[in-house]
Amino acid sequence: YFDHTGRADVLTGGVRRIPITTSKGTFTVWTKRVGNNPKLKVLLLHGGPGATHEAFEAFDSYFPGAGIEYYYYDQLGSAYSDQPNEPELWEIPRFVDEVEQVRLALGLTKDNFVLYGQSWGGILAIEYALAHGENLKGLVISNMMSSIPAYNAYAHDVLMPAMDPAALAEIEALEARKEFESPRYMELLIPYYTEHILRMPFADWPDPMMRCFTRLNRSIYVPMQGPSEMGASGKLEKWDRSADLKRITTPTLVIGAQHDTMDPKHMAWMATQFPRGRFLLCPNGGHLALYDDQETYMKGLLAFLKDLDAGKVQAAK
């Protein structure tokens, strides 16, 4: 599965390690191509920051049958890629530059390049589209709002008041003591996770998601997202591109879910801000609607990609 030769240009079963030039030297990131379609190539940006591509293994049951070529990709610092101990690298502009280097190495162009981002990957996809939109054929923003301040307000005003008051009080007490790594903290969060992240009993969470969560690189996640699971408090805390969405003219699909940690009404609004936007709501889904409302999610995503391929994506109504 891995390329153990040390060479960055060797293709093994679709796997390729791509060299990434940074201010701290050159490192390699892991990619894997599945399928072959000259007109439709989807690059998958995972969440976290610092999670892995493994969350997207659900696409294996849908994309090949639809004739879609897609690329798994672990961003720098994530499990399958190099993990340099260089805190200065964990900045949005550096990640955007990395995506552009990956695009060039894979030969993706405006005639075939669809960028898909889920959660943190959605932030990165929006930033890439603002910096390099001329390279895109299509854009998918999955389960991500265009404003972290708005996300924090939604968590504080809507999600937290709906929680069990005693559990919330204990969570807040643990956070005040900065006991974010406490087993009790994680135990208290399980009902929140199973309500808003992945809506199924924790014991039944799919293996790809468990592997993804287990391999989360907290040395990236905590500085960027922050240690609290009740909102963002790291480098991303003030990120807000709501006013800039109108500059992204690429055909764009926004996917939201009714029970998401992200506000579904905000995500529906986002689709109206993109000049060529479309919105898909997963009524039974949480933050990982690609698993807990999979039929709705995949049907809508595949329809968008089919219409994109046929040049049929119109502006949001």
C-alpha atoms as a PDB file:
ATOM      1  CA  TYR A   1       0.000   0.000   0.000  1.00  0.00           C
ATOM      2  CA  PHE A   2       2.861   2.373   0.823  1.00  0.00           C
ATOM      3  CA  ASP A   3       5.712   3.301  -1.458  1.00  0.00           C
ATOM      4  CA  HIS A   4       8.752   2.279   0.581  1.00  0.00           C
ATOM      5  CA  THR A   5      11.351   3.034  -2.089  1.00  0.00           C
ATOM      6  CA  GLY A   6      11.904   6.567  -0.845  1.00  0.00           C
ATOM      7  CA  ARG A   7      11.377   7.925  -4.361  1.00  0.00           C
ATOM      8  CA  ALA A   8       8.743  10.622  -4.656  1.00  0.00           C
ATOM      9  CA  ASP A   9       7.889   9.859  -8.277  1.00  0.00           C
ATOM     10  CA  VAL A  10       7.118   6.153  -8.053  1.00  0.00           C
ATOM     11  CA  LEU A  11       3.553   5.070  -8.758  1.00  0.00           C
ATOM     12  CA  THR A  12       2.514   1.879  -6.999  1.00  0.00           C
ATOM     13  CA  GLY A  13      -1.097   0.830  -7.319  1.00  0.00           C
ATOM     14  CA  GLY A  14      -2.066   4.463  -7.820  1.00  0.00           C
ATOM     15  CA  VAL A  15      -0.038   5.582  -4.798  1.00  0.00           C
ATOM     16  CA  ARG A  16       2.321   8.490  -5.282  1.00  0.00           C
ATOM     17  CA  ARG A  17       4.371  10.528  -2.837  1.00  0.00           C
ATOM     18  CA  ILE A  18       4.599  14.131  -4.014  1.00  0.00           C
ATOM     19  CA  PRO A  19       7.434  16.441  -2.919  1.00  0.00           C
ATOM     20  CA  ILE A  20       6.219  19.676  -1.294  1.00  0.00           C
ATOM     21  CA  THR A  21       8.538  22.657  -1.064  1.00  0.00           C
ATOM     22  CA  THR A  22       8.152  24.724   2.125  1.00  0.00           C
ATOM     23  CA  SER A  23      10.089  27.395   4.005  1.00  0.00           C
ATOM     24  CA  LYS A  24      11.347  24.600   6.269  1.00  0.00           C
ATOM     25  CA  GLY A  25      12.580  22.316   3.488  1.00  0.00           C
ATOM     26  CA  THR A  26      11.057  19.747   1.154  1.00  0.00           C
ATOM     27  CA  PHE A  27       8.740  17.032   2.459  1.00  0.00           C
ATOM     28  CA  THR A  28       6.486  14.490   0.763  1.00  0.00           C
ATOM     29  CA  VAL A  29       2.730  13.965   0.901  1.00  0.00           C
ATOM     30  CA  TRP A  30       0.844  10.753   0.152  1.00  0.00           C
ATOM     31  CA  THR A  31      -1.728  10.531  -2.649  1.00  0.00           C
ATOM     32  CA  LYS A  32      -3.602   7.648  -4.250  1.00  0.00           C
ATOM     33  CA  ARG A  33      -5.463   7.768  -7.544  1.00  0.00           C
ATOM     34  CA  VAL A  34      -8.574   5.628  -8.076  1.00  0.00           C
ATOM     35  CA  GLY A  35     -10.231   5.380 -11.495  1.00  0.00           C
ATOM     36  CA  ASN A  36      -9.527   7.027 -14.831  1.00  0.00           C
ATOM     37  CA  ASN A  37     -11.619   9.846 -16.274  1.00  0.00           C
ATOM     38  CA  PRO A  38      -9.863  12.561 -18.310  1.00  0.00           C
ATOM     39  CA  LYS A  39     -12.807  14.939 -17.834  1.00  0.00           C
ATOM     40  CA  LEU A  40     -13.583  14.552 -14.117  1.00  0.00           C
ATOM     41  CA  LYS A  41     -10.898  14.284 -11.429  1.00  0.00           C
ATOM     42  CA  VAL A  42     -11.824  14.938  -7.789  1.00  0.00           C
ATOM     43  CA  LEU A  43      -9.115  15.825  -5.248  1.00  0.00           C
ATOM     44  CA  LEU A  44     -10.335  15.099  -1.702  1.00  0.00           C
ATOM     45  CA  LEU A  45      -9.341  17.469   1.135  1.00  0.00           C
ATOM     46  CA  HIS A  46      -9.834  15.841   4.530  1.00  0.00           C
ATOM     47  CA  GLY A  47     -10.827  17.478   7.792  1.00  0.00           C
ATOM     48  CA  GLY A  48      -9.070  18.070  11.058  1.00  0.00           C
ATOM     49  CA  PRO A  49      -6.776  19.855  10.546  1.00  0.00           C
ATOM     50  CA  GLY A  50      -4.494  16.876  10.934  1.00  0.00           C
ATOM     51  CA  ALA A  51      -6.972  14.054  10.219  1.00  0.00           C
ATOM     52  CA  THR A  52      -6.567  11.650   7.274  1.00  0.00           C
ATOM     53  CA  HIS A  53      -8.045  10.614   3.931  1.00  0.00           C
ATOM     54  CA  GLU A  54      -9.477   7.450   5.513  1.00  0.00           C
ATOM     55  CA  ALA A  55     -12.791   9.187   6.275  1.00  0.00           C
ATOM     56  CA  PHE A  56     -13.487   9.184   2.533  1.00  0.00           C
ATOM     57  CA  GLU A  57     -13.329   5.427   1.980  1.00  0.00           C
ATOM     58  CA  ALA A  58     -17.146   5.566   1.681  1.00  0.00           C
ATOM     59  CA  PHE A  59     -16.603   6.986  -1.817  1.00  0.00           C
ATOM     60  CA  ASP A  60     -15.203   3.622  -2.932  1.00  0.00           C
ATOM     61  CA  SER A  61     -18.778   2.301  -3.031  1.00  0.00           C
ATOM     62  CA  TYR A  62     -20.048   5.131  -5.269  1.00  0.00           C
ATOM     63  CA  PHE A  63     -17.423   6.942  -7.340  1.00  0.00           C
ATOM     64  CA  PRO A  64     -15.994   4.011  -9.353  1.00  0.00           C
ATOM     65  CA  GLY A  65     -19.461   2.937 -10.525  1.00  0.00           C
ATOM     66  CA  ALA A  66     -20.162   6.520 -11.613  1.00  0.00           C
ATOM     67  CA  GLY A  67     -16.931   6.654 -13.611  1.00  0.00           C
ATOM     68  CA  ILE A  68     -15.348   9.356 -11.449  1.00  0.00           C
ATOM     69  CA  GLU A  69     -11.579   9.559 -11.033  1.00  0.00           C
ATOM     70  CA  TYR A  70     -10.631  10.627  -7.499  1.00  0.00           C
ATOM     71  CA  TYR A  71      -7.544  11.202  -5.402  1.00  0.00           C
ATOM     72  CA  TYR A  72      -7.042  10.348  -1.771  1.00  0.00           C
ATOM     73  CA  TYR A  73      -4.550  12.760  -0.232  1.00  0.00           C
ATOM     74  CA  ASP A  74      -3.108  13.191   3.255  1.00  0.00           C
ATOM     75  CA  GLN A  75      -2.097  16.788   3.850  1.00  0.00           C
ATOM     76  CA  LEU A  76       1.392  17.462   5.215  1.00  0.00           C
ATOM     77  CA  GLY A  77       1.506  16.477   8.883  1.00  0.00           C
ATOM     78  CA  SER A  78      -1.183  13.808   8.521  1.00  0.00           C
ATOM     79  CA  ALA A  79      -0.581  10.122   9.108  1.00  0.00           C
ATOM     80  CA  TYR A  80       0.338   8.833   5.647  1.00  0.00           C
ATOM     81  CA  SER A  81       2.432  11.896   4.749  1.00  0.00           C
ATOM     82  CA  ASP A  82       5.573  13.354   6.311  1.00  0.00           C
ATOM     83  CA  GLN A  83       4.988  14.828   9.768  1.00  0.00           C
ATOM     84  CA  PRO A  84       7.617  17.523  10.315  1.00  0.00           C
ATOM     85  CA  ASN A  85       7.830  19.124  13.750  1.00  0.00           C
ATOM     86  CA  GLU A  86       7.618  22.627  12.296  1.00  0.00           C
ATOM     87  CA  PRO A  87       4.815  24.662  13.909  1.00  0.00           C
ATOM     88  CA  GLU A  88       5.329  27.518  11.448  1.00  0.00           C
ATOM     89  CA  LEU A  89       3.994  25.311   8.629  1.00  0.00           C
ATOM     90  CA  TRP A  90       0.501  25.037  10.087  1.00  0.00           C
ATOM     91  CA  GLU A  91      -0.933  28.163   8.455  1.00  0.00           C
ATOM     92  CA  ILE A  92      -3.722  28.501   5.852  1.00  0.00           C
ATOM     93  CA  PRO A  93      -1.609  30.133   3.085  1.00  0.00           C
ATOM     94  CA  ARG A  94       1.023  27.379   3.380  1.00  0.00           C
ATOM     95  CA  PHE A  95      -1.662  24.675   3.072  1.00  0.00           C
ATOM     96  CA  VAL A  96      -3.111  26.465   0.014  1.00  0.00           C
ATOM     97  CA  ASP A  97       0.325  26.477  -1.594  1.00  0.00           C
ATOM     98  CA  GLU A  98       0.622  22.763  -0.837  1.00  0.00           C
ATOM     99  CA  VAL A  99      -2.666  22.033  -2.615  1.00  0.00           C
ATOM    100  CA  GLU A 100      -1.416  23.962  -5.649  1.00  0.00           C
ATOM    101  CA  GLN A 101       1.806  21.929  -5.678  1.00  0.00           C
ATOM    102  CA  VAL A 102      -0.240  18.710  -5.482  1.00  0.00           C
ATOM    103  CA  ARG A 103      -2.474  19.909  -8.355  1.00  0.00           C
ATOM    104  CA  LEU A 104       0.536  20.616 -10.561  1.00  0.00           C
ATOM    105  CA  ALA A 105       2.154  17.270  -9.762  1.00  0.00           C
ATOM    106  CA  LEU A 106      -1.057  15.380 -10.580  1.00  0.00           C
ATOM    107  CA  GLY A 107      -1.632  17.347 -13.793  1.00  0.00           C
ATOM    108  CA  LEU A 108      -5.106  18.564 -12.828  1.00  0.00           C
ATOM    109  CA  THR A 109      -6.481  21.439 -14.964  1.00  0.00           C
ATOM    110  CA  LYS A 110      -9.518  23.707 -15.313  1.00  0.00           C
ATOM    111  CA  ASP A 111     -10.899  21.177 -17.795  1.00  0.00           C
ATOM    112  CA  ASN A 112     -11.138  18.366 -15.234  1.00  0.00           C
ATOM    113  CA  PHE A 113     -10.176  19.521 -11.691  1.00  0.00           C
ATOM    114  CA  VAL A 114     -12.881  19.310  -9.016  1.00  0.00           C
ATOM    115  CA  LEU A 115     -11.798  20.253  -5.492  1.00  0.00           C
ATOM    116  CA  TYR A 116     -13.787  18.685  -2.646  1.00  0.00           C
ATOM    117  CA  GLY A 117     -13.297  19.775   0.963  1.00  0.00           C
ATOM    118  CA  GLN A 118     -15.014  18.411   4.058  1.00  0.00           C
ATOM    119  CA  SER A 119     -14.998  20.352   7.377  1.00  0.00           C
ATOM    120  CA  TRP A 120     -11.493  21.898   7.678  1.00  0.00           C
ATOM    121  CA  GLY A 121     -11.006  20.726   4.103  1.00  0.00           C
ATOM    122  CA  GLY A 122     -13.893  23.055   3.207  1.00  0.00           C
ATOM    123  CA  ILE A 123     -11.986  26.038   4.628  1.00  0.00           C
ATOM    124  CA  LEU A 124      -8.952  25.000   2.612  1.00  0.00           C
ATOM    125  CA  ALA A 125     -11.057  24.517  -0.545  1.00  0.00           C
ATOM    126  CA  ILE A 126     -12.605  27.995  -0.214  1.00  0.00           C
ATOM    127  CA  GLU A 127      -9.165  29.531   0.283  1.00  0.00           C
ATOM    128  CA  TYR A 128      -7.773  27.637  -2.704  1.00  0.00           C
ATOM    129  CA  ALA A 129     -10.683  28.765  -4.899  1.00  0.00           C
ATOM    130  CA  LEU A 130     -10.065  32.397  -3.909  1.00  0.00           C
ATOM    131  CA  ALA A 131      -6.344  32.109  -4.701  1.00  0.00           C
ATOM    132  CA  HIS A 132      -6.372  29.796  -7.725  1.00  0.00           C
ATOM    133  CA  GLY A 133      -9.959  29.654  -8.982  1.00  0.00           C
ATOM    134  CA  GLU A 134      -8.809  29.783 -12.596  1.00  0.00           C
ATOM    135  CA  ASN A 135      -7.625  26.165 -12.220  1.00  0.00           C
ATOM    136  CA  LEU A 136     -10.976  24.737 -11.135  1.00  0.00           C
ATOM    137  CA  LYS A 137     -13.767  23.016 -13.034  1.00  0.00           C
ATOM    138  CA  GLY A 138     -15.870  22.533  -9.888  1.00  0.00           C
ATOM    139  CA  LEU A 139     -15.886  23.001  -6.113  1.00  0.00           C
ATOM    140  CA  VAL A 140     -17.611  21.071  -3.307  1.00  0.00           C
ATOM    141  CA  ILE A 141     -17.828  22.473   0.240  1.00  0.00           C
ATOM    142  CA  SER A 142     -19.075  19.744   2.580  1.00  0.00           C
ATOM    143  CA  ASN A 143     -20.250  20.399   6.152  1.00  0.00           C
ATOM    144  CA  MET A 144     -18.402  23.694   6.601  1.00  0.00           C
ATOM    145  CA  MET A 145     -19.570  27.232   7.242  1.00  0.00           C
ATOM    146  CA  SER A 146     -17.828  30.230   5.689  1.00  0.00           C
ATOM    147  CA  SER A 147     -17.315  31.895   9.087  1.00  0.00           C
ATOM    148  CA  ILE A 148     -15.771  30.487  12.264  1.00  0.00           C
ATOM    149  CA  PRO A 149     -17.247  33.324  14.386  1.00  0.00           C
ATOM    150  CA  ALA A 150     -20.698  32.342  13.062  1.00  0.00           C
ATOM    151  CA  TYR A 151     -19.938  28.676  13.802  1.00  0.00           C
ATOM    152  CA  ASN A 152     -18.910  29.524  17.371  1.00  0.00           C
ATOM    153  CA  ALA A 153     -22.092  31.563  17.837  1.00  0.00           C
ATOM    154  CA  TYR A 154     -24.217  28.659  16.567  1.00  0.00           C
ATOM    155  CA  ALA A 155     -22.485  26.242  18.948  1.00  0.00           C
ATOM    156  CA  HIS A 156     -22.933  28.623  21.891  1.00  0.00           C
ATOM    157  CA  ASP A 157     -26.493  29.768  21.151  1.00  0.00           C
ATOM    158  CA  VAL A 158     -28.097  26.639  19.676  1.00  0.00           C
ATOM    159  CA  LEU A 159     -26.131  23.435  20.258  1.00  0.00           C
ATOM    160  CA  MET A 160     -24.863  23.913  23.816  1.00  0.00           C
ATOM    161  CA  PRO A 161     -28.251  24.945  25.335  1.00  0.00           C
ATOM    162  CA  ALA A 162     -29.740  21.723  23.923  1.00  0.00           C
ATOM    163  CA  MET A 163     -27.236  19.574  25.818  1.00  0.00           C
ATOM    164  CA  ASP A 164     -27.824  17.929  29.189  1.00  0.00           C
ATOM    165  CA  PRO A 165     -27.216  20.814  31.648  1.00  0.00           C
ATOM    166  CA  ALA A 166     -25.247  18.740  34.130  1.00  0.00           C
ATOM    167  CA  ALA A 167     -22.998  17.284  31.419  1.00  0.00           C
ATOM    168  CA  LEU A 168     -22.453  20.721  29.898  1.00  0.00           C
ATOM    169  CA  ALA A 169     -21.525  22.184  33.279  1.00  0.00           C
ATOM    170  CA  GLU A 170     -18.984  19.417  33.851  1.00  0.00           C
ATOM    171  CA  ILE A 171     -17.547  19.858  30.334  1.00  0.00           C
ATOM    172  CA  GLU A 172     -17.165  23.592  30.924  1.00  0.00           C
ATOM    173  CA  ALA A 173     -15.506  22.963  34.304  1.00  0.00           C
ATOM    174  CA  LEU A 174     -13.017  20.558  32.698  1.00  0.00           C
ATOM    175  CA  GLU A 175     -12.312  23.100  29.951  1.00  0.00           C
ATOM    176  CA  ALA A 176     -11.748  25.841  32.531  1.00  0.00           C
ATOM    177  CA  ARG A 177      -9.109  23.598  34.131  1.00  0.00           C
ATOM    178  CA  LYS A 178      -7.695  22.846  30.657  1.00  0.00           C
ATOM    179  CA  GLU A 179      -8.237  19.105  31.170  1.00  0.00           C
ATOM    180  CA  PHE A 180      -8.877  18.524  27.467  1.00  0.00           C
ATOM    181  CA  GLU A 181      -7.002  15.209  27.431  1.00  0.00           C
ATOM    182  CA  SER A 182      -8.966  13.821  30.380  1.00  0.00           C
ATOM    183  CA  PRO A 183     -10.763  10.522  29.695  1.00  0.00           C
ATOM    184  CA  ARG A 184     -13.773  12.041  31.478  1.00  0.00           C
ATOM    185  CA  TYR A 185     -13.819  14.949  29.004  1.00  0.00           C
ATOM    186  CA  MET A 186     -13.977  12.555  26.064  1.00  0.00           C
ATOM    187  CA  GLU A 187     -16.587  10.410  27.834  1.00  0.00           C
ATOM    188  CA  LEU A 188     -18.851  13.427  28.347  1.00  0.00           C
ATOM    189  CA  LEU A 189     -18.535  14.398  24.684  1.00  0.00           C
ATOM    190  CA  ILE A 190     -19.778  11.065  23.294  1.00  0.00           C
ATOM    191  CA  PRO A 191     -23.486  12.045  23.405  1.00  0.00           C
ATOM    192  CA  TYR A 192     -22.605  15.312  21.606  1.00  0.00           C
ATOM    193  CA  TYR A 193     -20.612  13.385  18.996  1.00  0.00           C
ATOM    194  CA  THR A 194     -23.379  10.853  18.388  1.00  0.00           C
ATOM    195  CA  GLU A 195     -25.948  13.668  18.071  1.00  0.00           C
ATOM    196  CA  HIS A 196     -24.006  16.065  15.849  1.00  0.00           C
ATOM    197  CA  ILE A 197     -20.830  14.462  14.425  1.00  0.00           C
ATOM    198  CA  LEU A 198     -21.835  10.931  13.392  1.00  0.00           C
ATOM    199  CA  ARG A 199     -25.382   9.962  14.245  1.00  0.00           C
ATOM    200  CA  MET A 200     -25.050   6.332  15.225  1.00  0.00           C
ATOM    201  CA  PRO A 201     -24.017   4.560  18.435  1.00  0.00           C
ATOM    202  CA  PHE A 202     -20.321   5.130  19.085  1.00  0.00           C
ATOM    203  CA  ALA A 203     -19.667   1.378  19.083  1.00  0.00           C
ATOM    204  CA  ASP A 204     -21.077   1.214  15.540  1.00  0.00           C
ATOM    205  CA  TRP A 205     -18.950   3.982  14.015  1.00  0.00           C
ATOM    206  CA  PRO A 206     -17.467   2.757  10.718  1.00  0.00           C
ATOM    207  CA  ASP A 207     -13.905   1.488  10.770  1.00  0.00           C
ATOM    208  CA  PRO A 208     -12.611   4.189   8.369  1.00  0.00           C
ATOM    209  CA  MET A 209     -13.807   6.903  10.759  1.00  0.00           C
ATOM    210  CA  MET A 210     -12.289   5.234  13.800  1.00  0.00           C
ATOM    211  CA  ARG A 211      -8.939   4.942  12.012  1.00  0.00           C
ATOM    212  CA  CYS A 212      -9.183   8.572  10.964  1.00  0.00           C
ATOM    213  CA  PHE A 213      -9.925   9.804  14.499  1.00  0.00           C
ATOM    214  CA  THR A 214      -7.237   7.600  16.030  1.00  0.00           C
ATOM    215  CA  ARG A 215      -4.583   9.040  13.708  1.00  0.00           C
ATOM    216  CA  LEU A 216      -5.534  12.702  14.214  1.00  0.00           C
ATOM    217  CA  ASN A 217      -2.336  14.740  14.626  1.00  0.00           C
ATOM    218  CA  ARG A 218      -3.124  16.898  17.659  1.00  0.00           C
ATOM    219  CA  SER A 219       0.077  18.917  17.227  1.00  0.00           C
ATOM    220  CA  ILE A 220      -1.682  20.439  14.183  1.00  0.00           C
ATOM    221  CA  TYR A 221      -5.301  20.185  15.305  1.00  0.00           C
ATOM    222  CA  VAL A 222      -4.921  21.967  18.653  1.00  0.00           C
ATOM    223  CA  PRO A 223      -2.973  25.056  17.443  1.00  0.00           C
ATOM    224  CA  MET A 224      -5.361  25.562  14.517  1.00  0.00           C
ATOM    225  CA  GLN A 225      -8.785  24.421  15.796  1.00  0.00           C
ATOM    226  CA  GLY A 226      -8.108  24.776  19.507  1.00  0.00           C
ATOM    227  CA  PRO A 227      -8.394  22.165  22.281  1.00  0.00           C
ATOM    228  CA  SER A 228     -12.140  22.614  22.944  1.00  0.00           C
ATOM    229  CA  GLU A 229     -14.701  20.551  21.053  1.00  0.00           C
ATOM    230  CA  MET A 230     -17.394  23.147  21.845  1.00  0.00           C
ATOM    231  CA  GLY A 231     -16.047  25.643  19.310  1.00  0.00           C
ATOM    232  CA  ALA A 232     -12.884  26.904  17.638  1.00  0.00           C
ATOM    233  CA  SER A 233     -10.301  28.875  19.595  1.00  0.00           C
ATOM    234  CA  GLY A 234      -7.045  28.370  17.692  1.00  0.00           C
ATOM    235  CA  LYS A 235      -5.567  30.106  14.652  1.00  0.00           C
ATOM    236  CA  LEU A 236      -8.858  29.605  12.794  1.00  0.00           C
ATOM    237  CA  GLU A 237     -10.942  31.449  15.418  1.00  0.00           C
ATOM    238  CA  LYS A 238     -11.409  34.638  13.382  1.00  0.00           C
ATOM    239  CA  TRP A 239     -11.482  33.068   9.901  1.00  0.00           C
ATOM    240  CA  ASP A 240     -14.410  34.472   7.891  1.00  0.00           C
ATOM    241  CA  ARG A 241     -14.771  34.413   4.110  1.00  0.00           C
ATOM    242  CA  SER A 242     -18.525  35.062   3.935  1.00  0.00           C
ATOM    243  CA  ALA A 243     -18.055  38.395   2.144  1.00  0.00           C
ATOM    244  CA  ASP A 244     -15.718  36.808  -0.414  1.00  0.00           C
ATOM    245  CA  LEU A 245     -17.869  33.899  -1.615  1.00  0.00           C
ATOM    246  CA  LYS A 246     -19.280  36.031  -4.433  1.00  0.00           C
ATOM    247  CA  ARG A 247     -15.767  36.155  -5.936  1.00  0.00           C
ATOM    248  CA  ILE A 248     -15.755  32.381  -6.478  1.00  0.00           C
ATOM    249  CA  THR A 249     -17.318  31.905  -9.920  1.00  0.00           C
ATOM    250  CA  THR A 250     -16.552  28.179 -10.104  1.00  0.00           C
ATOM    251  CA  PRO A 251     -19.686  25.962 -10.093  1.00  0.00           C
ATOM    252  CA  THR A 252     -20.021  25.083  -6.409  1.00  0.00           C
ATOM    253  CA  LEU A 253     -21.991  22.566  -4.375  1.00  0.00           C
ATOM    254  CA  VAL A 254     -22.493  23.255  -0.661  1.00  0.00           C
ATOM    255  CA  ILE A 255     -23.532  20.210   1.385  1.00  0.00           C
ATOM    256  CA  GLY A 256     -25.094  20.697   4.807  1.00  0.00           C
ATOM    257  CA  ALA A 257     -26.866  18.477   7.315  1.00  0.00           C
ATOM    258  CA  GLN A 258     -29.778  19.201   9.624  1.00  0.00           C
ATOM    259  CA  HIS A 259     -28.065  17.882  12.778  1.00  0.00           C
ATOM    260  CA  ASP A 260     -24.549  19.097  11.917  1.00  0.00           C
ATOM    261  CA  THR A 261     -22.256  20.977  14.286  1.00  0.00           C
ATOM    262  CA  MET A 262     -22.408  23.559  11.477  1.00  0.00           C
ATOM    263  CA  ASP A 263     -25.531  25.696  11.023  1.00  0.00           C
ATOM    264  CA  PRO A 264     -27.529  24.248   8.077  1.00  0.00           C
ATOM    265  CA  LYS A 265     -29.241  27.601   7.443  1.00  0.00           C
ATOM    266  CA  HIS A 266     -25.860  29.306   7.097  1.00  0.00           C
ATOM    267  CA  MET A 267     -24.704  26.655   4.641  1.00  0.00           C
ATOM    268  CA  ALA A 268     -27.910  27.069   2.601  1.00  0.00           C
ATOM    269  CA  TRP A 269     -27.219  30.823   2.548  1.00  0.00           C
ATOM    270  CA  MET A 270     -23.660  30.184   1.352  1.00  0.00           C
ATOM    271  CA  ALA A 271     -24.977  28.475  -1.779  1.00  0.00           C
ATOM    272  CA  THR A 272     -26.824  31.681  -2.678  1.00  0.00           C
ATOM    273  CA  GLN A 273     -23.619  33.714  -2.387  1.00  0.00           C
ATOM    274  CA  PHE A 274     -21.639  31.673  -4.900  1.00  0.00           C
ATOM    275  CA  PRO A 275     -22.550  32.993  -8.387  1.00  0.00           C
ATOM    276  CA  ARG A 276     -23.006  29.389  -9.549  1.00  0.00           C
ATOM    277  CA  GLY A 277     -23.994  27.733  -6.287  1.00  0.00           C
ATOM    278  CA  ARG A 278     -26.158  24.748  -5.407  1.00  0.00           C
ATOM    279  CA  PHE A 279     -27.215  23.466  -1.979  1.00  0.00           C
ATOM    280  CA  LEU A 280     -27.771  19.910  -0.795  1.00  0.00           C
ATOM    281  CA  LEU A 281     -29.380  19.310   2.610  1.00  0.00           C
ATOM    282  CA  CYS A 282     -29.016  15.926   4.303  1.00  0.00           C
ATOM    283  CA  PRO A 283     -32.062  15.938   6.631  1.00  0.00           C
ATOM    284  CA  ASN A 284     -30.954  12.973   8.752  1.00  0.00           C
ATOM    285  CA  GLY A 285     -27.245  13.715   8.824  1.00  0.00           C
ATOM    286  CA  GLY A 286     -24.662  15.127  11.196  1.00  0.00           C
ATOM    287  CA  HIS A 287     -21.203  16.526  10.493  1.00  0.00           C
ATOM    288  CA  LEU A 288     -20.288  13.267   8.765  1.00  0.00           C
ATOM    289  CA  ALA A 289     -23.423  13.009   6.626  1.00  0.00           C
ATOM    290  CA  LEU A 290     -21.453  11.017   4.058  1.00  0.00           C
ATOM    291  CA  TYR A 291     -21.984   8.141   6.532  1.00  0.00           C
ATOM    292  CA  ASP A 292     -25.146   8.840   8.546  1.00  0.00           C
ATOM    293  CA  ASP A 293     -27.265  10.182   5.662  1.00  0.00           C
ATOM    294  CA  GLN A 294     -25.288   8.457   2.951  1.00  0.00           C
ATOM    295  CA  GLU A 295     -27.993   7.851   0.364  1.00  0.00           C
ATOM    296  CA  THR A 296     -29.031  11.521   0.259  1.00  0.00           C
ATOM    297  CA  TYR A 297     -25.429  12.701   0.370  1.00  0.00           C
ATOM    298  CA  MET A 298     -24.112  10.507  -2.418  1.00  0.00           C
ATOM    299  CA  LYS A 299     -27.135  10.942  -4.674  1.00  0.00           C
ATOM    300  CA  GLY A 300     -26.837  14.730  -4.491  1.00  0.00           C
ATOM    301  CA  LEU A 301     -23.066  14.784  -4.873  1.00  0.00           C
ATOM    302  CA  LEU A 302     -23.105  12.437  -7.876  1.00  0.00           C
ATOM    303  CA  ALA A 303     -25.880  14.480  -9.515  1.00  0.00           C
ATOM    304  CA  PHE A 304     -23.790  17.639  -9.140  1.00  0.00           C
ATOM    305  CA  LEU A 305     -20.702  15.968 -10.604  1.00  0.00           C
ATOM    306  CA  LYS A 306     -22.737  14.565 -13.509  1.00  0.00           C
ATOM    307  CA  ASP A 307     -24.240  17.995 -14.232  1.00  0.00           C
ATOM    308  CA  LEU A 308     -20.812  19.602 -13.895  1.00  0.00           C
ATOM    309  CA  ASP A 309     -19.411  17.167 -16.438  1.00  0.00           C
ATOM    310  CA  ALA A 310     -22.283  18.036 -18.789  1.00  0.00           C
ATOM    311  CA  GLY A 311     -21.985  21.805 -18.206  1.00  0.00           C
ATOM    312  CA  LYS A 312     -25.420  21.995 -16.588  1.00  0.00           C
ATOM    313  CA  VAL A 313     -24.681  23.680 -13.233  1.00  0.00           C
ATOM    314  CA  GLN A 314     -26.744  26.866 -12.996  1.00  0.00           C
ATOM    315  CA  ALA A 315     -26.850  29.631 -10.409  1.00  0.00           C
ATOM    316  CA  ALA A 316     -28.650  29.019  -7.135  1.00  0.00           C
ATOM    317  CA  LYS A 317     -32.273  30.159  -7.147  1.00  0.00           C
END
